[in-house]
Amino acid sequence: MAGRRLHEFVRALRGAGVRVSPVEAEEAFRAAALVGYGDRDRFRETLALTLVKSQAERPDFDRCFAAFFRFESADPEQDDGADPGEADQAAPAPLAPETLSGPAAELVAQSDTGLEQTLAQAAAEIDFTAMQVITQQGLFARRLLMNMGMGAVDDEILRLDASARPGDGERAEALRDWRGRVRERAMAHVRRQYDLHGRAHGRALREHSMQAAPFRELREFQQVQMLVRRMARRLARSHQRRQKKARRGALDARRTLAASLRYNAVPVQLHWRQRRRTRAKVLVVCDVSSSVRDAARFLLQFLYAMTDVLPRVRSFAFAARFDEVTDDFERYPPDVAVGRILDRVSGSGTDYGTMFKELEAACRGEIDRQTTLIILGDARNNDLPAGERHLADIARRARQVFWLNPEPPSRWNSGDAIMARYLPYCRAARRCGSLNDLRRFTDELLRNLNG
């Protein structure tokens, strides 16, 4: 039982944003078994020493511990962690047990402390981590009440309602009122468990939905911004590990064995094959017209959230006009910079031919075999000259060209879209209509740049 509860606590910690690895969880279980569970403060500090890795995580740990290892309090005024609406849930008024029969009498006869213990024991038999959506709270409250033995109270209420003896109707009503107040206590406990387990799962489901949703459907902008930053940090951490291995290189077995001869063939000193690192450059050009504005917004935010692993990114935006926007991201936070960019260059009449001509003129001396060009747009050129010869000249001098199109491939050449004119000069063209598409492309780009 204790092991299961600790597993549930670790899951609650992860849901609260505290990172816990399987090894750290195993160490916490062994430490808890050594110090025991009787002394609450000592138990809390033991778990904190094994599970908390920074001072920034300690407040989240303390809040989660207090909520998880918390029993109902007989006096709500003494319960610092009580919900605001629980103050009016006084201890259920006792009934006269001699007027009842069977298990119901035993349950009603319990003191308030005994009732708390019964509720805690009943709750320990339920896996609240399975509660994933808010509508399941009623179901879990029902299970908790049944584990407490409330089924016998229900039977007793039915018996008293059907009885013709004087006073049984009043006793049934009093028992029903007592049961209602106990149910409120059970619901309060279930709500706290949902805050620990269900909300994290609900947030994960919501984020999963946002990652797969088309850009134009992402309405919770503040929440999406946080998700974009979190996705970027996660991807950056992964590639930082890869960069560290790449800088170190692969093990050079021949040099390591040769060096070990002076130590009686013991490989005391390891030698690595050092890889020559190139200085990659990235140019990003985003169509910010109304049809692809949201995709451009998230692409720019995503790339500039990964400055630790990406080389210097030089960015351009165009719609009614073409302009370099690199300085905007150096001066302002990404969300503010994107807003300023959209205000400055948005408009109708997208002209890809003129954009490629101006890009070639602006970056002629910078584009070389270390340059990666990323173009985000739907290639809808308003029946203007395509200007593919300028893109061909850029692609000839650059290392590679990637094209991200927010529309499905079936529409790449419909209407005034002319993707077919540009595809011969691109290393790859990808659909980029959601955060998942954006994450996959950025992962591929980082592998390519660091490979």
Protein backbone atom coordinates (compact mmCIF):
# COMPACT_ATOMS: atom_id res chain seq x y z
CA MET A 1 0.00 0.00 0.00
CA ALA A 2 2.78 2.45 0.94
CA GLY A 3 4.62 1.72 -2.31
CA ARG A 4 1.52 2.40 -4.39
CA ARG A 5 0.87 5.67 -2.60
CA LEU A 6 4.44 6.80 -3.20
CA HIS A 7 4.09 5.96 -6.89
CA GLU A 8 0.93 8.07 -6.97
CA PHE A 9 2.74 10.91 -5.21
CA VAL A 10 5.54 10.85 -7.81
CA ARG A 11 2.93 11.03 -10.57
CA ALA A 12 1.31 13.98 -8.81
CA LEU A 13 4.70 15.71 -8.59
CA ARG A 14 5.26 15.26 -12.32
CA GLY A 15 1.83 16.66 -12.98
CA ALA A 16 2.76 19.69 -10.87
CA GLY A 17 5.82 20.32 -13.03
CA VAL A 18 8.51 18.75 -10.82
CA ARG A 19 10.81 16.62 -12.97
CA VAL A 20 11.38 13.18 -11.39
CA SER A 21 13.33 10.45 -13.14
CA PRO A 22 12.69 6.72 -12.51
CA VAL A 23 16.06 6.45 -10.73
CA GLU A 24 15.22 9.36 -8.41
CA ALA A 25 11.82 7.83 -7.66
CA GLU A 26 13.46 4.52 -6.75
CA GLU A 27 15.92 6.30 -4.45
CA ALA A 28 13.03 8.11 -2.76
CA PHE A 29 11.21 4.82 -2.14
CA ARG A 30 14.28 3.26 -0.53
CA ALA A 31 14.93 6.35 1.60
CA ALA A 32 11.31 6.47 2.77
CA ALA A 33 11.47 2.81 3.75
CA LEU A 34 14.60 3.51 5.83
CA VAL A 35 13.31 6.55 7.73
CA GLY A 36 9.73 5.32 8.08
CA TYR A 37 6.43 7.13 7.68
CA GLY A 38 5.59 8.01 11.27
CA ASP A 39 7.32 11.39 11.54
CA ARG A 40 5.63 13.59 8.93
CA ASP A 41 8.30 16.31 8.85
CA ARG A 42 11.13 13.81 8.60
CA PHE A 43 9.26 11.90 5.88
CA ARG A 44 8.68 15.14 3.90
CA GLU A 45 12.32 16.22 4.11
CA THR A 46 13.51 12.77 3.08
CA LEU A 47 11.37 12.87 -0.06
CA ALA A 48 12.47 16.45 -0.75
CA LEU A 49 16.16 15.52 -0.54
CA THR A 50 15.73 12.71 -3.07
CA LEU A 51 13.19 14.26 -5.46
CA VAL A 52 13.78 18.04 -5.54
CA LYS A 53 16.69 19.18 -7.70
CA SER A 54 16.50 22.97 -7.27
CA GLN A 55 15.14 25.63 -4.95
CA ALA A 56 12.74 26.70 -7.70
CA GLU A 57 11.00 23.31 -7.48
CA ARG A 58 10.74 23.26 -3.68
CA PRO A 59 7.52 25.37 -3.39
CA ASP A 60 5.78 23.09 -5.91
CA PHE A 61 6.96 20.05 -3.97
CA ASP A 62 5.71 21.44 -0.64
CA ARG A 63 2.29 22.31 -2.07
CA CYS A 64 1.95 18.90 -3.66
CA PHE A 65 3.06 17.11 -0.47
CA ALA A 66 0.63 19.07 1.71
CA ALA A 67 -2.27 18.35 -0.64
CA PHE A 68 -1.43 14.68 -1.21
CA PHE A 69 -0.69 13.63 2.37
CA ARG A 70 -3.57 15.54 3.93
CA PHE A 71 -6.55 14.23 5.86
CA GLU A 72 -9.82 16.01 6.51
CA SER A 73 -9.68 18.33 9.52
CA ALA A 74 -12.41 18.32 12.14
CA ASP A 75 -11.93 22.06 12.59
CA PRO A 76 -11.76 23.81 9.21
CA GLU A 77 -10.43 26.99 10.82
CA GLN A 78 -7.28 25.14 11.85
CA ASP A 79 -6.75 23.71 8.34
CA ASP A 80 -4.48 26.07 6.42
CA GLY A 81 -4.90 24.06 3.24
CA ALA A 82 -8.69 23.98 3.28
CA ASP A 83 -10.61 25.20 0.27
CA PRO A 84 -12.47 28.49 0.75
CA GLY A 85 -15.82 26.76 0.39
CA GLU A 86 -15.10 24.14 3.04
CA ALA A 87 -15.37 26.38 6.10
CA ASP A 88 -19.09 25.75 6.37
CA GLN A 89 -18.63 21.97 6.34
CA ALA A 90 -18.71 21.46 10.07
CA ALA A 91 -18.28 18.03 11.56
CA PRO A 92 -21.45 15.96 10.90
CA ALA A 93 -23.79 16.15 13.86
CA PRO A 94 -23.94 12.77 15.61
CA LEU A 95 -27.17 10.77 15.66
CA ALA A 96 -28.28 8.45 18.41
CA PRO A 97 -26.77 5.11 17.30
CA GLU A 98 -29.25 3.14 19.41
CA THR A 99 -32.02 4.28 17.08
CA LEU A 100 -30.24 2.64 14.13
CA SER A 101 -29.28 -0.94 13.34
CA GLY A 102 -26.41 -2.89 11.84
CA PRO A 103 -23.27 -1.40 10.25
CA ALA A 104 -24.98 1.99 9.85
CA ALA A 105 -25.09 2.37 13.63
CA GLU A 106 -21.36 1.60 13.87
CA LEU A 107 -20.52 4.20 11.22
CA VAL A 108 -22.71 6.92 12.75
CA ALA A 109 -21.36 6.18 16.22
CA GLN A 110 -17.83 7.11 15.17
CA SER A 111 -16.29 10.30 16.48
CA ASP A 112 -15.24 12.95 14.02
CA THR A 113 -11.62 11.75 14.21
CA GLY A 114 -12.77 8.19 13.63
CA LEU A 115 -14.76 9.29 10.61
CA GLU A 116 -11.67 11.00 9.20
CA GLN A 117 -9.71 7.79 9.62
CA THR A 118 -12.44 5.81 7.92
CA LEU A 119 -12.44 8.24 4.99
CA ALA A 120 -8.64 8.11 4.74
CA GLN A 121 -8.61 4.31 4.81
CA ALA A 122 -11.33 4.15 2.17
CA ALA A 123 -9.47 6.65 -0.03
CA ALA A 124 -6.24 4.65 0.23
CA GLU A 125 -7.98 1.76 -1.54
CA ILE A 126 -8.81 3.90 -4.61
CA ASP A 127 -6.43 4.73 -7.45
CA PHE A 128 -7.17 8.41 -7.98
CA THR A 129 -4.56 8.63 -10.72
CA ALA A 130 -7.18 7.05 -13.01
CA MET A 131 -9.32 10.21 -12.65
CA GLN A 132 -8.62 12.02 -15.91
CA VAL A 133 -11.54 14.38 -16.54
CA ILE A 134 -13.56 16.61 -14.23
CA THR A 135 -16.82 14.73 -14.91
CA GLN A 136 -15.40 11.65 -13.15
CA GLN A 137 -15.45 13.34 -9.74
CA GLY A 138 -18.98 12.15 -8.96
CA LEU A 139 -18.07 8.54 -9.83
CA PHE A 140 -14.98 8.57 -7.58
CA ALA A 141 -16.92 10.21 -4.76
CA ARG A 142 -19.48 7.42 -5.01
CA ARG A 143 -16.71 4.80 -4.83
CA LEU A 144 -15.23 6.52 -1.80
CA LEU A 145 -18.57 6.57 0.03
CA MET A 146 -19.19 2.90 -0.73
CA ASN A 147 -15.71 2.02 0.59
CA MET A 148 -16.60 3.86 3.80
CA GLY A 149 -19.67 1.65 4.21
CA MET A 150 -22.23 4.26 3.21
CA GLY A 151 -24.26 1.57 1.43
CA ALA A 152 -25.47 0.41 4.85
CA VAL A 153 -26.56 3.97 5.65
CA ASP A 154 -28.54 4.10 2.40
CA ASP A 155 -30.27 0.84 3.34
CA GLU A 156 -31.03 2.19 6.80
CA ILE A 157 -32.57 5.35 5.32
CA LEU A 158 -34.82 3.22 3.09
CA ARG A 159 -35.83 1.08 6.10
CA LEU A 160 -36.72 4.10 8.19
CA ASP A 161 -38.67 5.69 5.32
CA ALA A 162 -40.73 2.53 4.98
CA SER A 163 -41.29 2.19 8.73
CA ALA A 164 -44.61 3.20 10.24
CA ARG A 165 -43.22 3.64 13.76
CA PRO A 166 -43.46 7.12 15.24
CA GLY A 167 -40.29 9.15 14.86
CA ASP A 168 -38.71 7.00 12.14
CA GLY A 169 -39.47 9.61 9.49
CA GLU A 170 -37.59 12.28 11.46
CA ARG A 171 -34.72 9.86 12.06
CA ALA A 172 -34.56 9.08 8.32
CA GLU A 173 -34.40 12.79 7.53
CA ALA A 174 -31.66 13.36 10.14
CA LEU A 175 -29.69 10.41 8.79
CA ARG A 176 -30.12 11.71 5.23
CA ASP A 177 -28.79 15.10 6.35
CA TRP A 178 -25.83 13.42 8.09
CA ARG A 179 -25.08 11.42 4.94
CA GLY A 180 -25.19 14.58 2.81
CA ARG A 181 -22.58 16.28 4.97
CA VAL A 182 -20.32 13.23 4.87
CA ARG A 183 -20.75 13.21 1.09
CA GLU A 184 -19.56 16.83 0.99
CA ARG A 185 -16.42 15.77 2.83
CA ALA A 186 -15.87 12.95 0.35
CA MET A 187 -16.40 15.33 -2.59
CA ALA A 188 -13.88 17.77 -1.11
CA HIS A 189 -11.32 14.98 -0.89
CA VAL A 190 -12.04 13.91 -4.48
CA ARG A 191 -11.69 17.50 -5.72
CA ARG A 192 -8.26 17.73 -4.12
CA GLN A 193 -7.25 14.46 -5.74
CA TYR A 194 -8.44 15.77 -9.10
CA ASP A 195 -6.30 18.88 -8.60
CA LEU A 196 -3.33 16.57 -7.99
CA HIS A 197 -3.87 14.02 -10.74
CA GLY A 198 -6.67 14.93 -13.12
CA ARG A 199 -5.72 18.50 -13.97
CA ALA A 200 -2.26 17.46 -15.13
CA HIS A 201 -3.78 14.82 -17.39
CA GLY A 202 -6.35 17.29 -18.66
CA ARG A 203 -3.60 19.81 -19.39
CA ALA A 204 -1.65 17.13 -21.26
CA LEU A 205 -4.73 16.26 -23.34
CA ARG A 206 -5.36 19.93 -24.08
CA GLU A 207 -1.75 20.47 -25.11
CA HIS A 208 -1.85 17.35 -27.28
CA SER A 209 -4.93 18.75 -29.02
CA MET A 210 -3.30 22.16 -29.49
CA GLN A 211 -0.18 20.59 -30.99
CA ALA A 212 -2.27 18.76 -33.60
CA ALA A 213 -4.73 21.60 -34.32
CA PRO A 214 -4.31 23.77 -37.44
CA PHE A 215 -2.69 27.12 -36.68
CA ARG A 216 -5.84 29.02 -37.61
CA GLU A 217 -7.79 27.21 -34.86
CA LEU A 218 -5.40 28.09 -32.02
CA ARG A 219 -7.40 30.67 -30.11
CA GLU A 220 -5.92 30.35 -26.58
CA PHE A 221 -2.96 32.51 -27.57
CA GLN A 222 -1.33 33.00 -24.16
CA GLN A 223 -1.55 29.28 -23.46
CA VAL A 224 -0.22 28.47 -26.92
CA GLN A 225 2.74 30.80 -26.39
CA MET A 226 3.66 28.90 -23.22
CA LEU A 227 3.29 25.60 -25.09
CA VAL A 228 5.53 26.82 -27.93
CA ARG A 229 8.24 27.86 -25.45
CA ARG A 230 7.99 24.55 -23.60
CA MET A 231 8.20 22.53 -26.83
CA ALA A 232 11.20 24.59 -27.93
CA ARG A 233 13.01 24.13 -24.61
CA ARG A 234 12.40 20.37 -24.70
CA LEU A 235 13.74 20.11 -28.23
CA ALA A 236 16.69 22.36 -27.37
CA ARG A 237 17.68 20.19 -24.40
CA SER A 238 17.64 17.12 -26.62
CA HIS A 239 19.91 18.73 -29.21
CA GLN A 240 22.22 20.19 -26.58
CA ARG A 241 22.97 16.61 -25.54
CA ARG A 242 23.59 15.68 -29.17
CA GLN A 243 25.86 18.70 -29.67
CA LYS A 244 27.89 17.69 -26.62
CA LYS A 245 28.41 14.22 -28.07
CA ALA A 246 29.19 15.69 -31.48
CA ARG A 247 31.83 18.03 -30.06
CA ARG A 248 33.40 15.16 -28.19
CA GLY A 249 33.32 12.87 -31.25
CA ALA A 250 33.29 9.08 -31.45
CA LEU A 251 35.72 6.90 -29.53
CA ASP A 252 39.03 6.44 -31.38
CA ALA A 253 39.77 2.81 -30.50
CA ARG A 254 43.17 2.71 -32.22
CA ARG A 255 44.60 5.74 -30.39
CA THR A 256 43.05 4.62 -27.08
CA LEU A 257 44.65 1.14 -27.33
CA ALA A 258 48.00 2.62 -28.38
CA ALA A 259 47.98 4.99 -25.40
CA SER A 260 47.06 2.17 -23.02
CA LEU A 261 50.35 0.33 -23.63
CA ARG A 262 52.17 2.59 -21.20
CA TYR A 263 49.65 1.57 -18.49
CA ASN A 264 49.91 -2.22 -19.02
CA ALA A 265 47.09 -2.14 -21.61
CA VAL A 266 44.67 -0.44 -19.20
CA PRO A 267 42.75 2.29 -21.14
CA VAL A 268 43.35 5.04 -18.59
CA GLN A 269 43.03 7.85 -21.14
CA LEU A 270 40.31 7.83 -23.80
CA HIS A 271 40.86 9.43 -27.19
CA TRP A 272 38.06 10.69 -29.40
CA ARG A 273 37.74 11.32 -33.11
CA GLN A 274 37.23 15.05 -33.28
CA ARG A 275 34.80 16.19 -35.92
CA ARG A 276 35.41 19.41 -37.81
CA ARG A 277 32.57 21.74 -36.97
CA THR A 278 31.26 24.15 -39.58
CA ARG A 279 29.70 27.53 -38.92
CA ALA A 280 26.15 27.11 -40.16
CA LYS A 281 23.95 30.09 -41.03
CA VAL A 282 20.17 30.18 -41.22
CA LEU A 283 18.04 32.59 -43.25
CA VAL A 284 14.29 32.56 -42.64
CA VAL A 285 11.79 34.22 -44.98
CA CYS A 286 8.14 34.29 -43.86
CA ASP A 287 5.06 35.21 -45.82
CA VAL A 288 2.96 37.11 -43.26
CA SER A 289 -0.09 37.72 -45.43
CA SER A 290 -3.45 36.88 -43.88
CA SER A 291 -3.57 33.32 -45.27
CA VAL A 292 -0.36 32.17 -43.54
CA ARG A 293 0.12 34.76 -40.79
CA ASP A 294 -0.47 32.36 -37.89
CA ALA A 295 2.03 29.82 -39.22
CA ALA A 296 4.68 32.55 -39.63
CA ARG A 297 4.01 33.80 -36.10
CA PHE A 298 4.65 30.41 -34.54
CA LEU A 299 7.63 29.55 -36.75
CA LEU A 300 9.45 32.75 -35.77
CA GLN A 301 8.64 32.31 -32.09
CA PHE A 302 9.78 28.68 -32.19
CA LEU A 303 13.09 29.42 -33.89
CA TYR A 304 13.94 32.34 -31.62
CA ALA A 305 13.11 30.25 -28.54
CA MET A 306 15.95 27.90 -29.57
CA THR A 307 18.84 30.36 -29.76
CA ASP A 308 20.95 28.11 -27.52
CA VAL A 309 21.19 25.38 -30.17
CA LEU A 310 20.54 27.22 -33.44
CA PRO A 311 23.20 29.30 -35.16
CA ARG A 312 22.44 33.00 -35.64
CA VAL A 313 19.15 33.33 -37.48
CA ARG A 314 18.64 36.19 -39.90
CA SER A 315 14.93 36.73 -40.51
CA PHE A 316 12.87 38.43 -43.20
CA ALA A 317 9.13 38.96 -43.55
CA PHE A 318 7.08 40.01 -46.55
CA ALA A 319 3.53 40.59 -47.70
CA ALA A 320 2.85 44.00 -49.21
CA ARG A 321 6.56 44.74 -48.76
CA PHE A 322 9.79 42.91 -47.94
CA ASP A 323 11.81 43.79 -44.83
CA GLU A 324 14.47 42.30 -42.56
CA VAL A 325 13.13 41.73 -39.03
CA THR A 326 16.19 40.32 -37.24
CA ASP A 327 16.61 43.42 -35.07
CA ASP A 328 13.02 43.18 -33.84
CA PHE A 329 13.79 39.85 -32.16
CA GLU A 330 17.00 41.18 -30.66
CA ARG A 331 15.20 44.17 -29.11
CA TYR A 332 11.86 42.67 -28.02
CA PRO A 333 10.45 39.38 -26.69
CA PRO A 334 9.33 37.06 -29.51
CA ASP A 335 5.59 37.67 -29.06
CA VAL A 336 6.08 41.47 -29.05
CA ALA A 337 8.46 41.32 -32.00
CA VAL A 338 6.01 39.27 -34.08
CA GLY A 339 3.24 41.79 -33.42
CA ARG A 340 5.44 44.68 -34.55
CA ILE A 341 6.48 42.81 -37.67
CA LEU A 342 2.91 42.02 -38.68
CA ASP A 343 1.92 45.67 -38.28
CA ARG A 344 4.85 46.83 -40.39
CA VAL A 345 4.78 44.52 -43.41
CA SER A 346 1.25 43.07 -43.55
CA GLY A 347 -0.96 43.79 -46.50
CA SER A 348 -2.39 42.36 -49.68
CA GLY A 349 -0.70 41.64 -53.00
CA THR A 350 1.95 39.06 -52.04
CA ASP A 351 4.71 39.06 -54.69
CA TYR A 352 7.13 36.13 -54.39
CA GLY A 353 9.12 37.16 -57.47
CA THR A 354 9.98 40.57 -56.03
CA MET A 355 10.70 38.97 -52.63
CA PHE A 356 13.29 36.59 -54.10
CA LYS A 357 14.90 39.43 -56.06
CA GLU A 358 15.21 41.62 -52.94
CA LEU A 359 16.43 38.68 -50.81
CA GLU A 360 19.16 37.92 -53.32
CA ALA A 361 20.25 41.54 -53.33
CA ALA A 362 20.22 41.82 -49.52
CA CYS A 363 22.15 38.59 -48.85
CA ARG A 364 24.30 38.13 -51.96
CA GLY A 365 27.57 38.37 -50.02
CA GLU A 366 26.38 36.14 -47.16
CA ILE A 367 24.86 33.14 -48.94
CA ASP A 368 27.42 30.35 -49.24
CA ARG A 369 27.74 26.60 -48.74
CA GLN A 370 27.07 26.98 -45.00
CA THR A 371 23.75 28.75 -45.50
CA THR A 372 20.34 27.14 -44.98
CA LEU A 373 17.35 29.04 -46.33
CA ILE A 374 13.90 28.37 -44.85
CA ILE A 375 10.88 29.76 -46.69
CA LEU A 376 7.43 29.70 -45.13
CA GLY A 377 4.55 30.54 -47.43
CA ASP A 378 1.70 29.20 -49.53
CA ALA A 379 3.30 30.25 -52.86
CA ARG A 380 0.14 32.15 -53.87
CA ASN A 381 1.64 34.83 -56.07
CA ASN A 382 -1.48 36.72 -57.26
CA ASP A 383 -0.65 35.81 -60.90
CA LEU A 384 2.54 37.92 -60.76
CA PRO A 385 5.92 36.83 -62.22
CA ALA A 386 7.27 33.85 -60.26
CA GLY A 387 10.90 35.01 -60.17
CA GLU A 388 12.16 31.45 -59.90
CA ARG A 389 15.49 32.37 -61.51
CA HIS A 390 16.36 34.37 -58.38
CA LEU A 391 15.53 31.38 -56.17
CA ALA A 392 17.58 29.18 -58.51
CA ASP A 393 20.61 31.45 -58.06
CA ILE A 394 20.18 31.43 -54.26
CA ALA A 395 19.81 27.62 -54.18
CA ARG A 396 22.95 27.21 -56.34
CA ARG A 397 25.08 29.14 -53.83
CA ALA A 398 23.40 27.96 -50.59
CA ARG A 399 23.80 24.64 -48.85
CA GLN A 400 20.09 23.83 -48.89
CA VAL A 401 16.62 25.34 -49.23
CA PHE A 402 13.58 24.15 -47.24
CA TRP A 403 10.03 25.24 -48.03
CA LEU A 404 7.27 25.06 -45.41
CA ASN A 405 3.74 25.36 -46.71
CA PRO A 406 0.80 25.61 -44.27
CA GLU A 407 -1.62 24.20 -46.86
CA PRO A 408 -2.09 20.49 -47.70
CA PRO A 409 -0.10 19.29 -50.76
CA SER A 410 -3.33 18.87 -52.74
CA ARG A 411 -3.67 22.69 -52.79
CA TRP A 412 -0.05 23.59 -53.51
CA ASN A 413 -0.80 24.27 -57.17
CA SER A 414 -4.46 25.28 -57.05
CA GLY A 415 -5.68 28.73 -58.03
CA ASP A 416 -2.79 31.20 -58.04
CA ALA A 417 -0.47 28.87 -56.05
CA ILE A 418 2.72 28.00 -57.99
CA MET A 419 4.65 25.62 -55.74
CA ALA A 420 5.58 23.51 -58.79
CA ARG A 421 7.66 26.42 -60.09
CA TYR A 422 9.76 26.53 -56.90
CA LEU A 423 10.06 22.86 -55.92
CA PRO A 424 13.00 22.03 -58.25
CA TYR A 425 15.21 24.41 -56.23
CA CYS A 426 14.25 23.08 -52.76
CA ARG A 427 15.96 20.26 -50.99
CA ALA A 428 12.62 19.42 -49.38
CA ALA A 429 9.12 20.86 -49.07
CA ARG A 430 7.06 20.09 -45.99
CA ARG A 431 3.56 20.82 -44.90
CA CYS A 432 3.65 23.01 -41.78
CA GLY A 433 0.07 23.41 -40.61
CA SER A 434 0.35 22.63 -36.89
CA LEU A 435 2.75 22.79 -33.96
CA ASN A 436 3.49 19.10 -34.43
CA ASP A 437 4.57 19.76 -38.03
CA LEU A 438 6.71 22.65 -36.82
CA ARG A 439 8.37 20.56 -34.11
CA ARG A 440 9.15 17.73 -36.54
CA PHE A 441 10.68 20.10 -39.07
CA THR A 442 12.80 21.91 -36.45
CA ASP A 443 14.06 18.57 -35.14
CA GLU A 444 15.02 17.57 -38.68
CA LEU A 445 16.70 20.94 -39.25
CA LEU A 446 18.80 20.68 -36.09
CA ARG A 447 19.88 17.14 -36.95
CA ASN A 448 20.87 18.36 -40.39
CA LEU A 449 22.80 21.40 -39.15
CA ASN A 450 24.61 19.44 -36.43
CA GLY A 451 25.12 16.28 -38.43
